[in-house]
mmCIF file of all heavy atoms, coordinates in Angstrom:
data_MODEL
# 
_entry.id   MODEL 
# 
loop_
_atom_site.group_PDB 
_atom_site.id 
_atom_site.type_symbol 
_atom_site.label_atom_id 
_atom_site.label_alt_id 
_atom_site.label_comp_id 
_atom_site.label_asym_id 
_atom_site.label_entity_id 
_atom_site.label_seq_id 
_atom_site.pdbx_PDB_ins_code 
_atom_site.Cartn_x 
_atom_site.Cartn_y 
_atom_site.Cartn_z 
_atom_site.occupancy 
_atom_site.B_iso_or_equiv 
_atom_site.pdbx_formal_charge 
_atom_site.auth_seq_id 
_atom_site.auth_comp_id 
_atom_site.auth_asym_id 
_atom_site.auth_atom_id 
_atom_site.pdbx_PDB_model_num 
ATOM 1   N N   . CYS A 1 1  ? -124.528 -56.906 -79.133 1.00 0.00 ? 1  CYS A N   1 
ATOM 2   C CA  . CYS A 1 1  ? -123.924 -55.579 -78.965 1.00 0.00 ? 1  CYS A CA  1 
ATOM 3   C C   . CYS A 1 1  ? -122.863 -55.588 -77.876 1.00 0.00 ? 1  CYS A C   1 
ATOM 4   O O   . CYS A 1 1  ? -122.711 -56.548 -77.128 1.00 0.00 ? 1  CYS A O   1 
ATOM 5   C CB  . CYS A 1 1  ? -124.995 -54.552 -78.635 1.00 0.00 ? 1  CYS A CB  1 
ATOM 6   S SG  . CYS A 1 1  ? -125.840 -54.882 -77.065 1.00 0.00 ? 1  CYS A SG  1 
ATOM 7   N N   . THR A 1 2  ? -122.127 -54.489 -77.798 1.00 0.00 ? 2  THR A N   1 
ATOM 8   C CA  . THR A 1 2  ? -121.150 -54.296 -76.734 1.00 0.00 ? 2  THR A CA  1 
ATOM 9   C C   . THR A 1 2  ? -121.857 -53.839 -75.470 1.00 0.00 ? 2  THR A C   1 
ATOM 10  O O   . THR A 1 2  ? -123.071 -53.601 -75.470 1.00 0.00 ? 2  THR A O   1 
ATOM 11  C CB  . THR A 1 2  ? -120.113 -53.228 -77.141 1.00 0.00 ? 2  THR A CB  1 
ATOM 12  O OG1 . THR A 1 2  ? -120.777 -51.949 -77.221 1.00 0.00 ? 2  THR A OG1 1 
ATOM 13  C CG2 . THR A 1 2  ? -119.489 -53.548 -78.496 1.00 0.00 ? 2  THR A CG2 1 
ATOM 14  N N   . ALA A 1 3  ? -121.102 -53.639 -74.411 1.00 0.00 ? 3  ALA A N   1 
ATOM 15  C CA  . ALA A 1 3  ? -121.669 -53.170 -73.144 1.00 0.00 ? 3  ALA A CA  1 
ATOM 16  C C   . ALA A 1 3  ? -122.231 -51.766 -73.272 1.00 0.00 ? 3  ALA A C   1 
ATOM 17  O O   . ALA A 1 3  ? -123.058 -51.338 -72.462 1.00 0.00 ? 3  ALA A O   1 
ATOM 18  C CB  . ALA A 1 3  ? -120.604 -53.206 -72.058 1.00 0.00 ? 3  ALA A CB  1 
ATOM 19  N N   . ASN A 1 4  ? -121.800 -51.038 -74.306 1.00 0.00 ? 4  ASN A N   1 
ATOM 20  C CA  . ASN A 1 4  ? -122.295 -49.676 -74.536 1.00 0.00 ? 4  ASN A CA  1 
ATOM 21  C C   . ASN A 1 4  ? -123.470 -49.631 -75.507 1.00 0.00 ? 4  ASN A C   1 
ATOM 22  O O   . ASN A 1 4  ? -123.983 -48.564 -75.815 1.00 0.00 ? 4  ASN A O   1 
ATOM 23  C CB  . ASN A 1 4  ? -121.169 -48.788 -75.077 1.00 0.00 ? 4  ASN A CB  1 
ATOM 24  C CG  . ASN A 1 4  ? -120.039 -48.614 -74.079 1.00 0.00 ? 4  ASN A CG  1 
ATOM 25  O OD1 . ASN A 1 4  ? -120.292 -48.490 -72.877 1.00 0.00 ? 4  ASN A OD1 1 
ATOM 26  N ND2 . ASN A 1 4  ? -118.804 -48.608 -74.562 1.00 0.00 ? 4  ASN A ND2 1 
ATOM 27  N N   . GLY A 1 5  ? -123.881 -50.797 -76.002 1.00 0.00 ? 5  GLY A N   1 
ATOM 28  C CA  . GLY A 1 5  ? -125.005 -50.855 -76.913 1.00 0.00 ? 5  GLY A CA  1 
ATOM 29  C C   . GLY A 1 5  ? -124.627 -50.707 -78.377 1.00 0.00 ? 5  GLY A C   1 
ATOM 30  O O   . GLY A 1 5  ? -125.491 -50.761 -79.254 1.00 0.00 ? 5  GLY A O   1 
ATOM 31  N N   . THR A 1 6  ? -123.347 -50.525 -78.656 1.00 0.00 ? 6  THR A N   1 
ATOM 32  C CA  . THR A 1 6  ? -122.890 -50.383 -80.040 1.00 0.00 ? 6  THR A CA  1 
ATOM 33  C C   . THR A 1 6  ? -122.697 -51.773 -80.660 1.00 0.00 ? 6  THR A C   1 
ATOM 34  O O   . THR A 1 6  ? -122.530 -52.767 -79.950 1.00 0.00 ? 6  THR A O   1 
ATOM 35  C CB  . THR A 1 6  ? -121.565 -49.613 -80.093 1.00 0.00 ? 6  THR A CB  1 
ATOM 36  O OG1 . THR A 1 6  ? -120.601 -50.278 -79.274 1.00 0.00 ? 6  THR A OG1 1 
ATOM 37  C CG2 . THR A 1 6  ? -121.758 -48.179 -79.584 1.00 0.00 ? 6  THR A CG2 1 
ATOM 38  N N   . PRO A 1 7  ? -122.698 -51.862 -81.985 1.00 0.00 ? 7  PRO A N   1 
ATOM 39  C CA  . PRO A 1 7  ? -122.481 -53.168 -82.599 1.00 0.00 ? 7  PRO A CA  1 
ATOM 40  C C   . PRO A 1 7  ? -121.089 -53.712 -82.324 1.00 0.00 ? 7  PRO A C   1 
ATOM 41  O O   . PRO A 1 7  ? -120.131 -52.930 -82.193 1.00 0.00 ? 7  PRO A O   1 
ATOM 42  C CB  . PRO A 1 7  ? -122.681 -52.890 -84.110 1.00 0.00 ? 7  PRO A CB  1 
ATOM 43  C CG  . PRO A 1 7  ? -122.458 -51.435 -84.269 1.00 0.00 ? 7  PRO A CG  1 
ATOM 44  C CD  . PRO A 1 7  ? -122.933 -50.805 -83.001 1.00 0.00 ? 7  PRO A CD  1 
ATOM 45  N N   . ILE A 1 8  ? -120.970 -55.005 -82.214 1.00 0.00 ? 8  ILE A N   1 
ATOM 46  C CA  . ILE A 1 8  ? -119.669 -55.640 -82.017 1.00 0.00 ? 8  ILE A CA  1 
ATOM 47  C C   . ILE A 1 8  ? -118.885 -55.540 -83.316 1.00 0.00 ? 8  ILE A C   1 
ATOM 48  O O   . ILE A 1 8  ? -119.412 -55.792 -84.396 1.00 0.00 ? 8  ILE A O   1 
ATOM 49  C CB  . ILE A 1 8  ? -119.843 -57.120 -81.637 1.00 0.00 ? 8  ILE A CB  1 
ATOM 50  C CG1 . ILE A 1 8  ? -120.634 -57.247 -80.324 1.00 0.00 ? 8  ILE A CG1 1 
ATOM 51  C CG2 . ILE A 1 8  ? -118.489 -57.821 -81.510 1.00 0.00 ? 8  ILE A CG2 1 
ATOM 52  C CD1 . ILE A 1 8  ? -121.072 -58.677 -80.014 1.00 0.00 ? 8  ILE A CD1 1 
ATOM 53  N N   . SER A 1 9  ? -117.624 -55.140 -83.229 1.00 0.00 ? 9  SER A N   1 
ATOM 54  C CA  . SER A 1 9  ? -116.812 -55.030 -84.438 1.00 0.00 ? 9  SER A CA  1 
ATOM 55  C C   . SER A 1 9  ? -116.421 -56.416 -84.933 1.00 0.00 ? 9  SER A C   1 
ATOM 56  O O   . SER A 1 9  ? -116.334 -57.369 -84.160 1.00 0.00 ? 9  SER A O   1 
ATOM 57  C CB  . SER A 1 9  ? -115.551 -54.205 -84.175 1.00 0.00 ? 9  SER A CB  1 
ATOM 58  O OG  . SER A 1 9  ? -114.634 -54.927 -83.377 1.00 0.00 ? 9  SER A OG  1 
ATOM 59  N N   . VAL A 1 10 ? -116.183 -56.506 -86.238 1.00 0.00 ? 10 VAL A N   1 
ATOM 60  C CA  . VAL A 1 10 ? -115.742 -57.768 -86.836 1.00 0.00 ? 10 VAL A CA  1 
ATOM 61  C C   . VAL A 1 10 ? -114.415 -58.196 -86.211 1.00 0.00 ? 10 VAL A C   1 
ATOM 62  O O   . VAL A 1 10 ? -114.207 -59.373 -85.888 1.00 0.00 ? 10 VAL A O   1 
ATOM 63  C CB  . VAL A 1 10 ? -115.608 -57.628 -88.363 1.00 0.00 ? 10 VAL A CB  1 
ATOM 64  C CG1 . VAL A 1 10 ? -114.954 -58.873 -88.959 1.00 0.00 ? 10 VAL A CG1 1 
ATOM 65  C CG2 . VAL A 1 10 ? -116.974 -57.379 -88.992 1.00 0.00 ? 10 VAL A CG2 1 
ATOM 66  N N   . ARG A 1 11 ? -113.505 -57.248 -86.007 1.00 0.00 ? 11 ARG A N   1 
ATOM 67  C CA  . ARG A 1 11 ? -112.199 -57.562 -85.434 1.00 0.00 ? 11 ARG A CA  1 
ATOM 68  C C   . ARG A 1 11 ? -112.352 -58.170 -84.034 1.00 0.00 ? 11 ARG A C   1 
ATOM 69  O O   . ARG A 1 11 ? -111.727 -59.177 -83.711 1.00 0.00 ? 11 ARG A O   1 
ATOM 70  C CB  . ARG A 1 11 ? -111.338 -56.301 -85.353 1.00 0.00 ? 11 ARG A CB  1 
ATOM 71  C CG  . ARG A 1 11 ? -109.921 -56.567 -84.858 1.00 0.00 ? 11 ARG A CG  1 
ATOM 72  C CD  . ARG A 1 11 ? -109.184 -55.257 -84.591 1.00 0.00 ? 11 ARG A CD  1 
ATOM 73  N NE  . ARG A 1 11 ? -108.937 -54.527 -85.813 1.00 0.00 ? 11 ARG A NE  1 
ATOM 74  C CZ  . ARG A 1 11 ? -107.858 -54.702 -86.576 1.00 0.00 ? 11 ARG A CZ  1 
ATOM 75  N NH1 . ARG A 1 11 ? -106.958 -55.609 -86.230 1.00 0.00 ? 11 ARG A NH1 1 
ATOM 76  N NH2 . ARG A 1 11 ? -107.686 -53.994 -87.655 1.00 0.00 ? 11 ARG A NH2 1 
ATOM 77  N N   . ASN A 1 12 ? -113.198 -57.578 -83.208 1.00 0.00 ? 12 ASN A N   1 
ATOM 78  C CA  . ASN A 1 12 ? -113.380 -58.090 -81.847 1.00 0.00 ? 12 ASN A CA  1 
ATOM 79  C C   . ASN A 1 12 ? -114.069 -59.450 -81.838 1.00 0.00 ? 12 ASN A C   1 
ATOM 80  O O   . ASN A 1 12 ? -113.786 -60.298 -80.980 1.00 0.00 ? 12 ASN A O   1 
ATOM 81  C CB  . ASN A 1 12 ? -114.162 -57.090 -80.994 1.00 0.00 ? 12 ASN A CB  1 
ATOM 82  C CG  . ASN A 1 12 ? -113.314 -55.912 -80.566 1.00 0.00 ? 12 ASN A CG  1 
ATOM 83  O OD1 . ASN A 1 12 ? -112.085 -55.983 -80.600 1.00 0.00 ? 12 ASN A OD1 1 
ATOM 84  N ND2 . ASN A 1 12 ? -113.946 -54.815 -80.185 1.00 0.00 ? 12 ASN A ND2 1 
ATOM 85  N N   . MET A 1 13 ? -114.980 -59.662 -82.778 1.00 0.00 ? 13 MET A N   1 
ATOM 86  C CA  . MET A 1 13 ? -115.643 -60.963 -82.861 1.00 0.00 ? 13 MET A CA  1 
ATOM 87  C C   . MET A 1 13 ? -114.645 -62.030 -83.258 1.00 0.00 ? 13 MET A C   1 
ATOM 88  O O   . MET A 1 13 ? -114.677 -63.155 -82.736 1.00 0.00 ? 13 MET A O   1 
ATOM 89  C CB  . MET A 1 13 ? -116.811 -60.897 -83.854 1.00 0.00 ? 13 MET A CB  1 
ATOM 90  C CG  . MET A 1 13 ? -117.646 -62.187 -83.879 1.00 0.00 ? 13 MET A CG  1 
ATOM 91  S SD  . MET A 1 13 ? -118.404 -62.558 -82.266 1.00 0.00 ? 13 MET A SD  1 
ATOM 92  C CE  . MET A 1 13 ? -118.186 -64.324 -82.181 1.00 0.00 ? 13 MET A CE  1 
ATOM 93  N N   . GLN A 1 14 ? -113.747 -61.701 -84.171 1.00 0.00 ? 14 GLN A N   1 
ATOM 94  C CA  . GLN A 1 14 ? -112.733 -62.666 -84.575 1.00 0.00 ? 14 GLN A CA  1 
ATOM 95  C C   . GLN A 1 14 ? -111.801 -63.000 -83.399 1.00 0.00 ? 14 GLN A C   1 
ATOM 96  O O   . GLN A 1 14 ? -111.393 -64.153 -83.219 1.00 0.00 ? 14 GLN A O   1 
ATOM 97  C CB  . GLN A 1 14 ? -111.903 -62.124 -85.753 1.00 0.00 ? 14 GLN A CB  1 
ATOM 98  C CG  . GLN A 1 14 ? -112.683 -61.977 -87.053 1.00 0.00 ? 14 GLN A CG  1 
ATOM 99  C CD  . GLN A 1 14 ? -112.958 -63.311 -87.753 1.00 0.00 ? 14 GLN A CD  1 
ATOM 100 O OE1 . GLN A 1 14 ? -112.969 -64.379 -87.133 1.00 0.00 ? 14 GLN A OE1 1 
ATOM 101 N NE2 . GLN A 1 14 ? -113.199 -63.259 -89.047 1.00 0.00 ? 14 GLN A NE2 1 
ATOM 102 N N   . ARG A 1 15 ? -111.467 -62.001 -82.581 1.00 0.00 ? 15 ARG A N   1 
ATOM 103 C CA  . ARG A 1 15 ? -110.643 -62.252 -81.408 1.00 0.00 ? 15 ARG A CA  1 
ATOM 104 C C   . ARG A 1 15 ? -111.362 -63.182 -80.437 1.00 0.00 ? 15 ARG A C   1 
ATOM 105 O O   . ARG A 1 15 ? -110.775 -64.119 -79.891 1.00 0.00 ? 15 ARG A O   1 
ATOM 106 C CB  . ARG A 1 15 ? -110.323 -60.936 -80.711 1.00 0.00 ? 15 ARG A CB  1 
ATOM 107 C CG  . ARG A 1 15 ? -109.277 -60.086 -81.419 1.00 0.00 ? 15 ARG A CG  1 
ATOM 108 C CD  . ARG A 1 15 ? -109.079 -58.789 -80.667 1.00 0.00 ? 15 ARG A CD  1 
ATOM 109 N NE  . ARG A 1 15 ? -108.144 -57.919 -81.347 1.00 0.00 ? 15 ARG A NE  1 
ATOM 110 C CZ  . ARG A 1 15 ? -108.196 -56.592 -81.312 1.00 0.00 ? 15 ARG A CZ  1 
ATOM 111 N NH1 . ARG A 1 15 ? -109.168 -55.995 -80.630 1.00 0.00 ? 15 ARG A NH1 1 
ATOM 112 N NH2 . ARG A 1 15 ? -107.304 -55.860 -81.937 1.00 0.00 ? 15 ARG A NH2 1 
ATOM 113 N N   . ALA A 1 16 ? -112.643 -62.885 -80.200 1.00 0.00 ? 16 ALA A N   1 
ATOM 114 C CA  . ALA A 1 16 ? -113.420 -63.739 -79.292 1.00 0.00 ? 16 ALA A CA  1 
ATOM 115 C C   . ALA A 1 16 ? -113.531 -65.152 -79.837 1.00 0.00 ? 16 ALA A C   1 
ATOM 116 O O   . ALA A 1 16 ? -113.462 -66.133 -79.094 1.00 0.00 ? 16 ALA A O   1 
ATOM 117 C CB  . ALA A 1 16 ? -114.821 -63.135 -79.101 1.00 0.00 ? 16 ALA A CB  1 
ATOM 118 N N   . TRP A 1 17 ? -113.662 -65.278 -81.151 1.00 0.00 ? 17 TRP A N   1 
ATOM 119 C CA  . TRP A 1 17 ? -113.787 -66.582 -81.791 1.00 0.00 ? 17 TRP A CA  1 
ATOM 120 C C   . TRP A 1 17 ? -112.537 -67.436 -81.559 1.00 0.00 ? 17 TRP A C   1 
ATOM 121 O O   . TRP A 1 17 ? -112.625 -68.641 -81.313 1.00 0.00 ? 17 TRP A O   1 
ATOM 122 C CB  . TRP A 1 17 ? -114.059 -66.402 -83.275 1.00 0.00 ? 17 TRP A CB  1 
ATOM 123 C CG  . TRP A 1 17 ? -114.249 -67.658 -84.058 1.00 0.00 ? 17 TRP A CG  1 
ATOM 124 C CD1 . TRP A 1 17 ? -113.496 -68.113 -85.090 1.00 0.00 ? 17 TRP A CD1 1 
ATOM 125 C CD2 . TRP A 1 17 ? -115.287 -68.647 -83.868 1.00 0.00 ? 17 TRP A CD2 1 
ATOM 126 N NE1 . TRP A 1 17 ? -113.982 -69.305 -85.560 1.00 0.00 ? 17 TRP A NE1 1 
ATOM 127 C CE2 . TRP A 1 17 ? -115.077 -69.657 -84.834 1.00 0.00 ? 17 TRP A CE2 1 
ATOM 128 C CE3 . TRP A 1 17 ? -116.366 -68.752 -82.987 1.00 0.00 ? 17 TRP A CE3 1 
ATOM 129 C CZ2 . TRP A 1 17 ? -115.912 -70.770 -84.924 1.00 0.00 ? 17 TRP A CZ2 1 
ATOM 130 C CZ3 . TRP A 1 17 ? -117.195 -69.860 -83.086 1.00 0.00 ? 17 TRP A CZ3 1 
ATOM 131 C CH2 . TRP A 1 17 ? -116.965 -70.860 -84.048 1.00 0.00 ? 17 TRP A CH2 1 
ATOM 132 N N   . LYS A 1 18 ? -111.383 -66.817 -81.621 1.00 0.00 ? 18 LYS A N   1 
ATOM 133 C CA  . LYS A 1 18 ? -110.139 -67.552 -81.359 1.00 0.00 ? 18 LYS A CA  1 
ATOM 134 C C   . LYS A 1 18 ? -110.145 -68.110 -79.943 1.00 0.00 ? 18 LYS A C   1 
ATOM 135 O O   . LYS A 1 18 ? -109.741 -69.254 -79.710 1.00 0.00 ? 18 LYS A O   1 
ATOM 136 C CB  . LYS A 1 18 ? -108.933 -66.646 -81.569 1.00 0.00 ? 18 LYS A CB  1 
ATOM 137 C CG  . LYS A 1 18 ? -108.611 -66.357 -83.030 1.00 0.00 ? 18 LYS A CG  1 
ATOM 138 C CD  . LYS A 1 18 ? -107.329 -65.553 -83.161 1.00 0.00 ? 18 LYS A CD  1 
ATOM 139 C CE  . LYS A 1 18 ? -106.986 -65.325 -84.629 1.00 0.00 ? 18 LYS A CE  1 
ATOM 140 N NZ  . LYS A 1 18 ? -105.718 -64.558 -84.788 1.00 0.00 ? 18 LYS A NZ  1 
ATOM 141 N N   . MET A 1 19 ? -110.595 -67.291 -78.993 1.00 0.00 ? 19 MET A N   1 
ATOM 142 C CA  . MET A 1 19 ? -110.651 -67.752 -77.598 1.00 0.00 ? 19 MET A CA  1 
ATOM 143 C C   . MET A 1 19 ? -111.662 -68.862 -77.428 1.00 0.00 ? 19 MET A C   1 
ATOM 144 O O   . MET A 1 19 ? -111.445 -69.822 -76.678 1.00 0.00 ? 19 MET A O   1 
ATOM 145 C CB  . MET A 1 19 ? -110.998 -66.580 -76.679 1.00 0.00 ? 19 MET A CB  1 
ATOM 146 C CG  . MET A 1 19 ? -109.902 -65.547 -76.534 1.00 0.00 ? 19 MET A CG  1 
ATOM 147 S SD  . MET A 1 19 ? -110.239 -64.336 -75.232 1.00 0.00 ? 19 MET A SD  1 
ATOM 148 C CE  . MET A 1 19 ? -111.677 -63.503 -75.923 1.00 0.00 ? 19 MET A CE  1 
ATOM 149 N N   . ILE A 1 20 ? -112.786 -68.757 -78.119 1.00 0.00 ? 20 ILE A N   1 
ATOM 150 C CA  . ILE A 1 20 ? -113.842 -69.772 -78.040 1.00 0.00 ? 20 ILE A CA  1 
ATOM 151 C C   . ILE A 1 20 ? -113.323 -71.126 -78.545 1.00 0.00 ? 20 ILE A C   1 
ATOM 152 O O   . ILE A 1 20 ? -113.520 -72.156 -77.905 1.00 0.00 ? 20 ILE A O   1 
ATOM 153 C CB  . ILE A 1 20 ? -115.084 -69.331 -78.846 1.00 0.00 ? 20 ILE A CB  1 
ATOM 154 C CG1 . ILE A 1 20 ? -115.784 -68.172 -78.135 1.00 0.00 ? 20 ILE A CG1 1 
ATOM 155 C CG2 . ILE A 1 20 ? -116.054 -70.499 -79.065 1.00 0.00 ? 20 ILE A CG2 1 
ATOM 156 C CD1 . ILE A 1 20 ? -116.813 -67.450 -78.986 1.00 0.00 ? 20 ILE A CD1 1 
ATOM 157 N N   . LEU A 1 21 ? -112.643 -71.111 -79.687 1.00 0.00 ? 21 LEU A N   1 
ATOM 158 C CA  . LEU A 1 21 ? -112.118 -72.362 -80.252 1.00 0.00 ? 21 LEU A CA  1 
ATOM 159 C C   . LEU A 1 21 ? -111.039 -72.962 -79.359 1.00 0.00 ? 21 LEU A C   1 
ATOM 160 O O   . LEU A 1 21 ? -110.970 -74.182 -79.189 1.00 0.00 ? 21 LEU A O   1 
ATOM 161 C CB  . LEU A 1 21 ? -111.574 -72.118 -81.652 1.00 0.00 ? 21 LEU A CB  1 
ATOM 162 C CG  . LEU A 1 21 ? -112.599 -71.772 -82.735 1.00 0.00 ? 21 LEU A CG  1 
ATOM 163 C CD1 . LEU A 1 21 ? -111.912 -71.679 -84.099 1.00 0.00 ? 21 LEU A CD1 1 
ATOM 164 C CD2 . LEU A 1 21 ? -113.729 -72.795 -82.793 1.00 0.00 ? 21 LEU A CD2 1 
ATOM 165 N N   . LYS A 1 22 ? -110.215 -72.117 -78.782 1.00 0.00 ? 22 LYS A N   1 
ATOM 166 C CA  . LYS A 1 22 ? -109.172 -72.612 -77.879 1.00 0.00 ? 22 LYS A CA  1 
ATOM 167 C C   . LYS A 1 22 ? -109.819 -73.263 -76.657 1.00 0.00 ? 22 LYS A C   1 
ATOM 168 O O   . LYS A 1 22 ? -109.381 -74.322 -76.210 1.00 0.00 ? 22 LYS A O   1 
ATOM 169 C CB  . LYS A 1 22 ? -108.260 -71.464 -77.460 1.00 0.00 ? 22 LYS A CB  1 
ATOM 170 C CG  . LYS A 1 22 ? -107.099 -71.897 -76.588 1.00 0.00 ? 22 LYS A CG  1 
ATOM 171 C CD  . LYS A 1 22 ? -106.180 -70.720 -76.255 1.00 0.00 ? 22 LYS A CD  1 
ATOM 172 C CE  . LYS A 1 22 ? -105.015 -71.177 -75.388 1.00 0.00 ? 22 LYS A CE  1 
ATOM 173 N NZ  . LYS A 1 22 ? -104.105 -70.033 -75.065 1.00 0.00 ? 22 LYS A NZ  1 
ATOM 174 N N   . HIS A 1 23 ? -110.860 -72.636 -76.134 1.00 0.00 ? 23 HIS A N   1 
ATOM 175 C CA  . HIS A 1 23 ? -111.560 -73.176 -74.963 1.00 0.00 ? 23 HIS A CA  1 
ATOM 176 C C   . HIS A 1 23 ? -112.223 -74.513 -75.289 1.00 0.00 ? 23 HIS A C   1 
ATOM 177 O O   . HIS A 1 23 ? -112.250 -75.413 -74.447 1.00 0.00 ? 23 HIS A O   1 
ATOM 178 C CB  . HIS A 1 23 ? -112.616 -72.173 -74.507 1.00 0.00 ? 23 HIS A CB  1 
ATOM 179 C CG  . HIS A 1 23 ? -113.437 -72.641 -73.344 1.00 0.00 ? 23 HIS A CG  1 
ATOM 180 N ND1 . HIS A 1 23 ? -112.920 -72.813 -72.080 1.00 0.00 ? 23 HIS A ND1 1 
ATOM 181 C CD2 . HIS A 1 23 ? -114.761 -73.002 -73.266 1.00 0.00 ? 23 HIS A CD2 1 
ATOM 182 C CE1 . HIS A 1 23 ? -113.869 -73.236 -71.275 1.00 0.00 ? 23 HIS A CE1 1 
ATOM 183 N NE2 . HIS A 1 23 ? -114.985 -73.362 -71.952 1.00 0.00 ? 23 HIS A NE2 1 
ATOM 184 N N   . ALA A 1 24 ? -112.750 -74.637 -76.514 1.00 0.00 ? 24 ALA A N   1 
ATOM 185 C CA  . ALA A 1 24 ? -113.422 -75.882 -76.925 1.00 0.00 ? 24 ALA A CA  1 
ATOM 186 C C   . ALA A 1 24 ? -112.444 -76.925 -77.436 1.00 0.00 ? 24 ALA A C   1 
ATOM 187 O O   . ALA A 1 24 ? -112.845 -78.052 -77.747 1.00 0.00 ? 24 ALA A O   1 
ATOM 188 C CB  . ALA A 1 24 ? -114.466 -75.562 -77.995 1.00 0.00 ? 24 ALA A CB  1 
ATOM 189 N N   . ASN A 1 25 ? -111.153 -76.543 -77.544 1.00 0.00 ? 25 ASN A N   1 
ATOM 190 C CA  . ASN A 1 25 ? -110.118 -77.437 -78.076 1.00 0.00 ? 25 ASN A CA  1 
ATOM 191 C C   . ASN A 1 25 ? -110.455 -77.892 -79.500 1.00 0.00 ? 25 ASN A C   1 
ATOM 192 O O   . ASN A 1 25 ? -110.324 -79.070 -79.845 1.00 0.00 ? 25 ASN A O   1 
ATOM 193 C CB  . ASN A 1 25 ? -109.917 -78.651 -77.152 1.00 0.00 ? 25 ASN A CB  1 
ATOM 194 C CG  . ASN A 1 25 ? -108.604 -79.369 -77.424 1.00 0.00 ? 25 ASN A CG  1 
ATOM 195 O OD1 . ASN A 1 25 ? -107.644 -78.766 -77.896 1.00 0.00 ? 25 ASN A OD1 1 
ATOM 196 N ND2 . ASN A 1 25 ? -108.563 -80.663 -77.141 1.00 0.00 ? 25 ASN A ND2 1 
ATOM 197 N N   . VAL A 1 26 ? -110.888 -76.935 -80.304 1.00 0.00 ? 26 VAL A N   1 
ATOM 198 C CA  . VAL A 1 26 ? -111.211 -77.190 -81.710 1.00 0.00 ? 26 VAL A CA  1 
ATOM 199 C C   . VAL A 1 26 ? -110.206 -76.409 -82.561 1.00 0.00 ? 26 VAL A C   1 
ATOM 200 O O   . VAL A 1 26 ? -109.928 -75.241 -82.284 1.00 0.00 ? 26 VAL A O   1 
ATOM 201 C CB  . VAL A 1 26 ? -112.648 -76.727 -82.045 1.00 0.00 ? 26 VAL A CB  1 
ATOM 202 C CG1 . VAL A 1 26 ? -112.900 -76.815 -83.550 1.00 0.00 ? 26 VAL A CG1 1 
ATOM 203 C CG2 . VAL A 1 26 ? -113.654 -77.581 -81.283 1.00 0.00 ? 26 VAL A CG2 1 
# 
């Protein structure tokens, strides 16, 4: 969930995923 307890949006998860892959150099 988000900091407010609401579900994470698909759009925000995709944004986070891009950052995760960049950090892992994948």
